[in-house]
């Protein structure tokens, strides 16, 4: 689903990639492909939350952390030959308005990521309302920049997003 999206990924392909029978896939995911997609979105949420925490823990300045994060995202895209973008976005994009469970799981992921960024901004002394707004801006901008970089097969959108987000964050700490 990360590479093809929800609609273009048949459950038979998922079972083959997992080296599992269709029966076992339905055993663990009785709700079928939709339940499996929710689990995939939740897994993508966990993985990116961990990445966010690691990068912010490694960089005391949140502006520097955002620069490091955009470099990491660009490196990941480049290493995957521009195929492996955000699994949450890729899975949820084609389902908006049709499959509320997947949409809800994606919204929860974005909210959790914003919460991680918010906590870091608050720890760095950014006022609460500004930290809330900035956290939303950071996650929204990163998602868009990652998608634009993937489509363009060029890390420029991520590099620029990182540079400008870092400047924005720094302006709230001055």
N, C-alpha and C. Protein backbone atom coordinates (compact mmCIF):
# COMPACT_ATOMS: atom_id res chain seq x y z
N UNK A 1 0.82 -1.19 0.00
CA UNK A 1 0.00 0.00 0.00
C UNK A 1 0.87 1.25 0.00
N UNK A 2 2.03 1.17 0.63
CA UNK A 2 2.94 2.32 0.65
C UNK A 2 3.37 2.68 -0.76
N UNK A 3 3.52 1.69 -1.61
CA UNK A 3 4.01 1.95 -2.96
C UNK A 3 2.89 2.13 -3.98
N UNK A 4 1.74 1.50 -3.77
CA UNK A 4 0.69 1.51 -4.78
C UNK A 4 -0.60 2.18 -4.31
N UNK A 5 -0.71 2.44 -3.02
CA UNK A 5 -1.96 2.98 -2.50
C UNK A 5 -2.95 1.86 -2.22
N UNK A 6 -4.02 2.22 -1.59
CA UNK A 6 -5.03 1.25 -1.17
C UNK A 6 -5.70 0.56 -2.35
N UNK A 7 -6.24 1.34 -3.27
CA UNK A 7 -7.03 0.76 -4.36
C UNK A 7 -6.22 -0.12 -5.31
N UNK A 8 -4.96 0.21 -5.51
CA UNK A 8 -4.14 -0.53 -6.47
C UNK A 8 -3.43 -1.73 -5.85
N UNK A 9 -3.69 -2.00 -4.58
CA UNK A 9 -3.03 -3.12 -3.91
C UNK A 9 -4.04 -4.20 -3.58
N UNK A 10 -4.09 -5.26 -4.38
CA UNK A 10 -5.03 -6.35 -4.09
C UNK A 10 -4.58 -7.18 -2.88
N UNK A 11 -5.53 -7.70 -2.17
CA UNK A 11 -5.21 -8.49 -0.97
C UNK A 11 -4.41 -9.74 -1.32
N UNK A 12 -4.61 -10.26 -2.51
CA UNK A 12 -3.83 -11.42 -2.94
C UNK A 12 -2.34 -11.06 -3.02
N UNK A 13 -2.03 -9.89 -3.52
CA UNK A 13 -0.65 -9.43 -3.59
C UNK A 13 -0.06 -9.28 -2.18
N UNK A 14 -0.86 -8.77 -1.27
CA UNK A 14 -0.41 -8.61 0.13
C UNK A 14 -0.08 -9.97 0.72
N UNK A 15 -0.94 -10.95 0.49
CA UNK A 15 -0.69 -12.29 1.04
C UNK A 15 0.56 -12.90 0.42
N UNK A 16 0.78 -12.67 -0.87
CA UNK A 16 1.98 -13.20 -1.52
C UNK A 16 3.25 -12.55 -0.96
N UNK A 17 3.22 -11.24 -0.79
CA UNK A 17 4.39 -10.52 -0.24
C UNK A 17 4.67 -10.97 1.19
N UNK A 18 3.62 -11.26 1.94
CA UNK A 18 3.77 -11.70 3.33
C UNK A 18 4.07 -13.20 3.42
N UNK A 19 4.06 -13.87 2.27
CA UNK A 19 4.25 -15.31 2.22
C UNK A 19 3.26 -16.01 3.14
N UNK A 20 2.01 -15.57 3.02
CA UNK A 20 0.92 -16.13 3.82
C UNK A 20 -0.22 -16.51 2.89
N UNK A 21 -1.01 -17.46 3.32
CA UNK A 21 -2.18 -17.84 2.53
C UNK A 21 -3.25 -16.76 2.69
N UNK A 22 -4.14 -16.70 1.73
CA UNK A 22 -5.26 -15.76 1.86
C UNK A 22 -6.08 -16.07 3.10
N UNK A 23 -6.23 -17.35 3.38
CA UNK A 23 -6.98 -17.76 4.56
C UNK A 23 -6.38 -17.22 5.85
N UNK A 24 -5.06 -17.25 5.95
CA UNK A 24 -4.43 -16.73 7.17
C UNK A 24 -4.53 -15.21 7.24
N UNK A 25 -4.48 -14.54 6.10
CA UNK A 25 -4.65 -13.09 6.10
C UNK A 25 -6.04 -12.76 6.63
N UNK A 26 -7.06 -13.46 6.13
CA UNK A 26 -8.43 -13.20 6.60
C UNK A 26 -8.63 -13.67 8.04
N UNK A 27 -7.85 -14.65 8.49
CA UNK A 27 -7.93 -15.08 9.87
C UNK A 27 -7.49 -13.94 10.80
N UNK A 28 -6.35 -13.32 10.47
CA UNK A 28 -5.82 -12.25 11.31
C UNK A 28 -6.49 -10.91 11.04
N UNK A 29 -7.05 -10.76 9.85
CA UNK A 29 -7.74 -9.52 9.48
C UNK A 29 -9.11 -9.87 8.92
N UNK A 30 -10.05 -10.25 9.81
CA UNK A 30 -11.37 -10.67 9.33
C UNK A 30 -12.12 -9.57 8.58
N UNK A 31 -11.72 -8.32 8.82
CA UNK A 31 -12.32 -7.20 8.09
C UNK A 31 -11.71 -7.01 6.72
N UNK A 32 -10.83 -7.93 6.33
CA UNK A 32 -10.25 -7.93 5.00
C UNK A 32 -9.27 -6.78 4.77
N UNK A 33 -9.23 -6.35 3.54
CA UNK A 33 -8.26 -5.36 3.10
C UNK A 33 -8.38 -4.05 3.88
N UNK A 34 -9.60 -3.66 4.20
CA UNK A 34 -9.78 -2.41 4.93
C UNK A 34 -9.17 -2.50 6.33
N UNK A 35 -9.39 -3.58 7.03
CA UNK A 35 -8.80 -3.75 8.36
C UNK A 35 -7.28 -3.82 8.26
N UNK A 36 -6.78 -4.48 7.24
CA UNK A 36 -5.35 -4.57 7.03
C UNK A 36 -4.77 -3.19 6.74
N UNK A 37 -5.48 -2.38 5.98
CA UNK A 37 -5.02 -1.01 5.68
C UNK A 37 -4.95 -0.16 6.94
N UNK A 38 -5.94 -0.30 7.81
CA UNK A 38 -5.91 0.43 9.08
C UNK A 38 -4.67 0.02 9.88
N UNK A 39 -4.39 -1.28 9.92
CA UNK A 39 -3.21 -1.76 10.64
C UNK A 39 -1.92 -1.23 10.00
N UNK A 40 -1.90 -1.15 8.68
CA UNK A 40 -0.72 -0.63 7.98
C UNK A 40 -0.52 0.85 8.29
N UNK A 41 -1.60 1.60 8.33
CA UNK A 41 -1.51 3.03 8.67
C UNK A 41 -1.02 3.18 10.11
N UNK A 42 -1.55 2.37 11.00
CA UNK A 42 -1.11 2.45 12.40
C UNK A 42 0.36 2.08 12.54
N UNK A 43 0.82 1.12 11.77
CA UNK A 43 2.23 0.74 11.80
C UNK A 43 3.10 1.88 11.26
N UNK A 44 2.66 2.50 10.17
CA UNK A 44 3.38 3.65 9.62
C UNK A 44 3.43 4.79 10.62
N UNK A 45 2.35 4.99 11.34
CA UNK A 45 2.28 6.00 12.39
C UNK A 45 3.33 5.72 13.46
N UNK A 46 3.38 4.50 13.93
CA UNK A 46 4.35 4.12 14.97
C UNK A 46 5.79 4.33 14.49
N UNK A 47 6.07 3.91 13.27
CA UNK A 47 7.42 4.03 12.74
C UNK A 47 7.85 5.48 12.62
N UNK A 48 6.96 6.33 12.09
CA UNK A 48 7.35 7.73 11.90
C UNK A 48 7.40 8.46 13.25
N UNK A 49 6.52 8.11 14.18
CA UNK A 49 6.59 8.70 15.52
C UNK A 49 7.94 8.40 16.15
N UNK A 50 8.42 7.19 15.96
CA UNK A 50 9.72 6.80 16.50
C UNK A 50 10.84 7.59 15.84
N UNK A 51 10.77 7.75 14.53
CA UNK A 51 11.77 8.53 13.81
C UNK A 51 11.78 9.97 14.32
N UNK A 52 10.60 10.55 14.46
CA UNK A 52 10.50 11.92 14.96
C UNK A 52 11.16 12.05 16.34
N UNK A 53 10.82 11.15 17.23
CA UNK A 53 11.38 11.21 18.59
C UNK A 53 12.90 11.06 18.57
N UNK A 54 13.39 10.13 17.77
CA UNK A 54 14.84 9.92 17.70
C UNK A 54 15.56 11.16 17.19
N UNK A 55 15.02 11.76 16.15
CA UNK A 55 15.68 12.94 15.57
C UNK A 55 15.59 14.12 16.53
N UNK A 56 14.43 14.34 17.14
CA UNK A 56 14.32 15.44 18.09
C UNK A 56 15.17 15.19 19.33
N UNK A 57 15.30 13.95 19.75
CA UNK A 57 16.16 13.64 20.91
C UNK A 57 17.63 13.89 20.57
N UNK A 58 18.00 13.71 19.32
CA UNK A 58 19.38 13.89 18.91
C UNK A 58 19.76 15.32 18.59
N UNK A 59 18.79 16.20 18.47
CA UNK A 59 19.04 17.60 18.14
C UNK A 59 18.34 18.47 19.17
N UNK A 60 19.06 19.15 20.03
CA UNK A 60 18.41 19.96 21.06
C UNK A 60 17.62 21.15 20.51
N UNK A 61 18.02 21.65 19.37
CA UNK A 61 17.32 22.78 18.75
C UNK A 61 16.30 22.22 17.76
N UNK A 62 14.99 22.53 17.95
CA UNK A 62 13.98 21.97 17.04
C UNK A 62 14.16 22.40 15.59
N UNK A 63 14.74 23.57 15.36
CA UNK A 63 15.00 24.00 13.97
C UNK A 63 16.01 23.07 13.33
N UNK A 64 17.08 22.74 14.07
CA UNK A 64 18.08 21.79 13.55
C UNK A 64 17.47 20.40 13.37
N UNK A 65 16.57 20.02 14.26
CA UNK A 65 15.92 18.71 14.17
C UNK A 65 15.09 18.61 12.89
N UNK A 66 14.39 19.67 12.54
CA UNK A 66 13.58 19.64 11.32
C UNK A 66 14.48 19.54 10.09
N UNK A 67 15.62 20.22 10.12
CA UNK A 67 16.57 20.07 9.00
C UNK A 67 17.07 18.63 8.91
N UNK A 68 17.40 18.05 10.04
CA UNK A 68 17.86 16.66 10.05
C UNK A 68 16.75 15.72 9.56
N UNK A 69 15.52 16.00 9.95
CA UNK A 69 14.40 15.17 9.53
C UNK A 69 14.19 15.22 8.03
N UNK A 70 14.27 16.41 7.44
CA UNK A 70 14.07 16.50 5.99
C UNK A 70 15.20 15.80 5.25
N UNK A 71 16.41 15.88 5.79
CA UNK A 71 17.53 15.14 5.17
C UNK A 71 17.27 13.64 5.24
N UNK A 72 16.78 13.19 6.39
CA UNK A 72 16.49 11.76 6.56
C UNK A 72 15.39 11.29 5.61
N UNK A 73 14.35 12.09 5.48
CA UNK A 73 13.26 11.73 4.55
C UNK A 73 13.77 11.69 3.11
N UNK A 74 14.59 12.67 2.74
CA UNK A 74 15.15 12.71 1.39
C UNK A 74 16.05 11.49 1.14
N UNK A 75 16.88 11.16 2.13
CA UNK A 75 17.75 9.98 2.00
C UNK A 75 16.92 8.71 1.80
N UNK A 76 15.85 8.57 2.58
CA UNK A 76 14.99 7.39 2.45
C UNK A 76 14.34 7.29 1.09
N UNK A 77 13.88 8.41 0.58
CA UNK A 77 13.28 8.39 -0.76
C UNK A 77 14.31 8.03 -1.82
N UNK A 78 15.47 8.66 -1.73
CA UNK A 78 16.53 8.39 -2.70
C UNK A 78 16.93 6.92 -2.67
N UNK A 79 17.11 6.36 -1.46
CA UNK A 79 17.52 4.96 -1.31
C UNK A 79 16.48 3.99 -1.87
N UNK A 80 15.20 4.39 -1.85
CA UNK A 80 14.15 3.52 -2.37
C UNK A 80 13.87 3.78 -3.85
N UNK A 81 14.73 4.57 -4.47
CA UNK A 81 14.53 4.99 -5.86
C UNK A 81 13.21 5.74 -6.01
N UNK A 82 12.90 6.55 -4.99
CA UNK A 82 11.74 7.46 -4.98
C UNK A 82 10.41 6.72 -4.91
N UNK A 83 10.42 5.49 -4.42
CA UNK A 83 9.19 4.68 -4.36
C UNK A 83 8.54 4.73 -2.99
N UNK A 84 9.32 4.70 -1.93
CA UNK A 84 8.76 4.56 -0.58
C UNK A 84 8.53 5.91 0.10
N UNK A 85 7.43 6.52 -0.23
CA UNK A 85 7.05 7.75 0.45
C UNK A 85 6.32 7.43 1.75
N UNK A 86 5.53 8.33 2.21
CA UNK A 86 4.82 8.15 3.47
C UNK A 86 3.75 7.07 3.31
N UNK A 87 3.84 5.98 4.09
CA UNK A 87 2.85 4.91 3.97
C UNK A 87 1.46 5.34 4.43
N UNK A 88 1.39 6.27 5.35
CA UNK A 88 0.08 6.74 5.83
C UNK A 88 -0.62 7.51 4.72
N UNK A 89 0.09 8.44 4.13
CA UNK A 89 -0.49 9.24 3.05
C UNK A 89 -0.85 8.37 1.85
N UNK A 90 0.08 7.50 1.45
CA UNK A 90 -0.16 6.66 0.28
C UNK A 90 -1.39 5.77 0.46
N UNK A 91 -1.57 5.25 1.65
CA UNK A 91 -2.71 4.37 1.91
C UNK A 91 -4.01 5.16 2.01
N UNK A 92 -3.94 6.31 2.64
CA UNK A 92 -5.17 7.08 2.92
C UNK A 92 -5.66 7.93 1.75
N UNK A 93 -4.77 8.34 0.88
CA UNK A 93 -5.15 9.30 -0.16
C UNK A 93 -6.37 8.89 -0.97
N UNK A 94 -6.38 7.69 -1.47
CA UNK A 94 -7.48 7.26 -2.32
C UNK A 94 -8.73 6.84 -1.57
N UNK A 95 -8.67 6.88 -0.24
CA UNK A 95 -9.81 6.38 0.53
C UNK A 95 -10.62 7.49 1.19
N UNK A 96 -10.13 8.71 1.13
CA UNK A 96 -10.80 9.83 1.79
C UNK A 96 -12.26 9.93 1.33
N UNK A 97 -13.14 10.00 2.28
CA UNK A 97 -14.56 10.12 1.97
C UNK A 97 -15.26 8.80 1.71
N UNK A 98 -14.48 7.73 1.53
CA UNK A 98 -15.08 6.42 1.22
C UNK A 98 -14.92 5.42 2.35
N UNK A 99 -13.77 5.44 2.99
CA UNK A 99 -13.46 4.44 4.00
C UNK A 99 -13.06 5.15 5.29
N UNK A 100 -14.04 5.46 6.11
CA UNK A 100 -13.78 6.30 7.29
C UNK A 100 -12.80 5.68 8.30
N UNK A 101 -12.71 4.37 8.39
CA UNK A 101 -11.77 3.77 9.34
C UNK A 101 -10.32 4.09 8.96
N UNK A 102 -10.03 4.04 7.68
CA UNK A 102 -8.68 4.34 7.21
C UNK A 102 -8.42 5.83 7.37
N UNK A 103 -9.38 6.64 7.02
CA UNK A 103 -9.25 8.08 7.15
C UNK A 103 -9.03 8.47 8.61
N UNK A 104 -9.75 7.85 9.51
CA UNK A 104 -9.61 8.12 10.94
C UNK A 104 -8.21 7.71 11.44
N UNK A 105 -7.73 6.56 11.01
CA UNK A 105 -6.39 6.10 11.42
C UNK A 105 -5.32 7.08 10.91
N UNK A 106 -5.48 7.58 9.70
CA UNK A 106 -4.52 8.55 9.16
C UNK A 106 -4.59 9.87 9.93
N UNK A 107 -5.80 10.32 10.23
CA UNK A 107 -5.95 11.56 11.01
C UNK A 107 -5.31 11.42 12.39
N UNK A 108 -5.47 10.25 12.99
CA UNK A 108 -4.84 10.00 14.30
C UNK A 108 -3.31 10.01 14.18
N UNK A 109 -2.79 9.49 13.08
CA UNK A 109 -1.34 9.50 12.86
C UNK A 109 -0.84 10.93 12.75
N UNK A 110 -1.49 11.73 11.93
CA UNK A 110 -1.05 13.12 11.77
C UNK A 110 -1.13 13.86 13.10
N UNK A 111 -2.18 13.61 13.86
CA UNK A 111 -2.34 14.27 15.17
C UNK A 111 -1.22 13.83 16.12
N UNK A 112 -0.85 12.56 16.10
CA UNK A 112 0.22 12.07 16.98
C UNK A 112 1.55 12.72 16.58
N UNK A 113 1.82 12.81 15.28
CA UNK A 113 3.07 13.42 14.83
C UNK A 113 3.12 14.89 15.23
N UNK A 114 1.98 15.57 15.08
CA UNK A 114 1.92 16.97 15.50
C UNK A 114 2.17 17.09 16.99
N UNK A 115 1.67 16.14 17.75
CA UNK A 115 1.87 16.15 19.19
C UNK A 115 3.34 16.01 19.56
N UNK A 116 4.05 15.14 18.85
CA UNK A 116 5.49 14.98 19.10
C UNK A 116 6.21 16.29 18.82
N UNK A 117 5.90 16.92 17.70
CA UNK A 117 6.55 18.18 17.34
C UNK A 117 6.15 19.27 18.34
N UNK A 118 4.88 19.32 18.71
CA UNK A 118 4.39 20.29 19.70
C UNK A 118 5.19 20.17 21.00
N UNK A 119 5.33 18.95 21.50
CA UNK A 119 6.06 18.74 22.75
C UNK A 119 7.49 19.26 22.66
N UNK A 120 8.13 19.02 21.53
CA UNK A 120 9.50 19.48 21.35
C UNK A 120 9.57 21.00 21.28
N UNK A 121 8.63 21.60 20.60
CA UNK A 121 8.61 23.06 20.50
C UNK A 121 8.36 23.70 21.86
N UNK A 122 7.43 23.12 22.61
CA UNK A 122 7.15 23.63 23.96
C UNK A 122 8.39 23.49 24.85
N UNK A 123 9.07 22.37 24.74
CA UNK A 123 10.29 22.16 25.53
C UNK A 123 11.37 23.18 25.18
N UNK A 124 11.33 23.66 23.95
CA UNK A 124 12.31 24.65 23.50
C UNK A 124 11.88 26.08 23.83
N UNK A 125 10.72 26.22 24.48
CA UNK A 125 10.29 27.54 24.91
C UNK A 125 9.32 28.26 24.00
N UNK A 126 8.83 27.58 22.98
CA UNK A 126 7.84 28.21 22.10
C UNK A 126 6.51 28.26 22.84
N UNK A 127 5.84 29.43 22.85
CA UNK A 127 4.54 29.52 23.54
C UNK A 127 3.54 28.49 23.01
N UNK A 128 2.63 28.09 23.88
CA UNK A 128 1.72 26.97 23.58
C UNK A 128 0.95 27.13 22.27
N UNK A 129 0.26 28.25 22.06
CA UNK A 129 -0.53 28.40 20.84
C UNK A 129 0.36 28.42 19.60
N UNK A 130 1.49 29.09 19.70
CA UNK A 130 2.43 29.11 18.57
C UNK A 130 2.96 27.70 18.30
N UNK A 131 3.27 26.95 19.36
CA UNK A 131 3.78 25.59 19.20
C UNK A 131 2.74 24.70 18.52
N UNK A 132 1.47 24.89 18.89
CA UNK A 132 0.39 24.11 18.28
C UNK A 132 0.28 24.43 16.79
N UNK A 133 0.29 25.71 16.46
CA UNK A 133 0.20 26.12 15.05
C UNK A 133 1.42 25.65 14.27
N UNK A 134 2.60 25.82 14.86
CA UNK A 134 3.84 25.41 14.18
C UNK A 134 3.89 23.90 13.96
N UNK A 135 3.45 23.13 14.94
CA UNK A 135 3.46 21.67 14.80
C UNK A 135 2.59 21.24 13.63
N UNK A 136 1.43 21.85 13.51
CA UNK A 136 0.55 21.55 12.36
C UNK A 136 1.23 21.94 11.05
N UNK A 137 1.86 23.10 11.04
CA UNK A 137 2.55 23.58 9.84
C UNK A 137 3.71 22.66 9.47
N UNK A 138 4.47 22.22 10.47
CA UNK A 138 5.61 21.35 10.20
C UNK A 138 5.15 20.04 9.56
N UNK A 139 4.18 19.38 10.17
CA UNK A 139 3.75 18.08 9.65
C UNK A 139 3.10 18.25 8.27
N UNK A 140 2.25 19.24 8.11
CA UNK A 140 1.60 19.46 6.81
C UNK A 140 2.63 19.75 5.72
N UNK A 141 3.60 20.59 6.04
CA UNK A 141 4.62 20.95 5.06
C UNK A 141 5.49 19.74 4.72
N UNK A 142 5.87 18.97 5.73
CA UNK A 142 6.69 17.78 5.46
C UNK A 142 5.96 16.78 4.58
N UNK A 143 4.68 16.56 4.86
CA UNK A 143 3.90 15.62 4.05
C UNK A 143 3.85 16.08 2.59
N UNK A 144 3.57 17.36 2.39
CA UNK A 144 3.51 17.88 1.02
C UNK A 144 4.86 17.85 0.34
N UNK A 145 5.91 18.21 1.07
CA UNK A 145 7.25 18.23 0.49
C UNK A 145 7.72 16.82 0.14
N UNK A 146 7.40 15.86 1.00
CA UNK A 146 7.80 14.48 0.71
C UNK A 146 7.09 13.97 -0.55
N UNK A 147 5.82 14.26 -0.67
CA UNK A 147 5.07 13.84 -1.86
C UNK A 147 5.62 14.54 -3.11
N UNK A 148 5.89 15.84 -3.01
CA UNK A 148 6.42 16.58 -4.16
C UNK A 148 7.80 16.05 -4.56
N UNK A 149 8.63 15.73 -3.57
CA UNK A 149 9.96 15.17 -3.87
C UNK A 149 9.84 13.81 -4.54
N UNK A 150 8.91 13.01 -4.04
CA UNK A 150 8.71 11.68 -4.62
C UNK A 150 8.27 11.78 -6.08
N UNK A 151 7.33 12.64 -6.34
CA UNK A 151 6.81 12.80 -7.71
C UNK A 151 7.89 13.36 -8.64
N UNK A 152 8.64 14.35 -8.14
CA UNK A 152 9.69 14.98 -8.96
C UNK A 152 10.97 14.14 -9.04
N UNK A 153 11.08 13.15 -8.13
CA UNK A 153 12.30 12.36 -8.04
C UNK A 153 13.50 13.28 -7.80
N UNK A 154 13.30 14.19 -6.87
CA UNK A 154 14.29 15.21 -6.56
C UNK A 154 14.07 15.65 -5.11
N UNK A 155 15.14 15.78 -4.35
CA UNK A 155 14.97 16.15 -2.94
C UNK A 155 14.80 17.65 -2.71
N UNK A 156 14.78 18.45 -3.76
CA UNK A 156 14.66 19.90 -3.60
C UNK A 156 13.45 20.31 -2.76
N UNK A 157 12.25 19.76 -2.99
CA UNK A 157 11.12 20.18 -2.14
C UNK A 157 11.37 19.93 -0.65
N UNK A 158 11.99 18.82 -0.31
CA UNK A 158 12.29 18.53 1.09
C UNK A 158 13.38 19.45 1.63
N UNK A 159 14.42 19.70 0.84
CA UNK A 159 15.49 20.59 1.29
C UNK A 159 14.94 21.99 1.56
N UNK A 160 14.13 22.50 0.64
CA UNK A 160 13.57 23.84 0.80
C UNK A 160 12.60 23.88 1.99
N UNK A 161 11.79 22.86 2.12
CA UNK A 161 10.86 22.82 3.25
C UNK A 161 11.63 22.83 4.56
N UNK A 162 12.68 22.04 4.65
CA UNK A 162 13.49 22.01 5.86
C UNK A 162 14.10 23.35 6.18
N UNK A 163 14.67 23.99 5.17
CA UNK A 163 15.30 25.30 5.36
C UNK A 163 14.29 26.33 5.87
N UNK A 164 13.14 26.37 5.22
CA UNK A 164 12.16 27.40 5.59
C UNK A 164 11.44 27.07 6.90
N UNK A 165 11.20 25.80 7.16
CA UNK A 165 10.61 25.45 8.45
C UNK A 165 11.58 25.78 9.58
N UNK A 166 12.86 25.52 9.37
CA UNK A 166 13.86 25.83 10.40
C UNK A 166 13.89 27.33 10.67
N UNK A 167 13.83 28.13 9.63
CA UNK A 167 13.80 29.60 9.82
C UNK A 167 12.54 30.02 10.56
N UNK A 168 11.43 29.42 10.21
CA UNK A 168 10.16 29.75 10.86
C UNK A 168 10.23 29.40 12.34
N UNK A 169 10.68 28.21 12.64
CA UNK A 169 10.79 27.77 14.05
C UNK A 169 11.74 28.70 14.81
N UNK A 170 12.88 29.02 14.21
CA UNK A 170 13.85 29.89 14.87
C UNK A 170 13.26 31.27 15.14
N UNK A 171 12.38 31.74 14.28
CA UNK A 171 11.78 33.07 14.49
C UNK A 171 10.89 33.12 15.73
N UNK A 172 10.38 31.98 16.15
CA UNK A 172 9.54 31.93 17.35
C UNK A 172 10.38 31.78 18.61
N UNK A 173 11.64 31.51 18.44
CA UNK A 173 12.51 31.31 19.59
C UNK A 173 13.38 32.53 19.84
N UNK A 174 13.29 33.53 19.00
CA UNK A 174 14.15 34.73 19.11
C UNK A 174 13.68 35.63 20.23
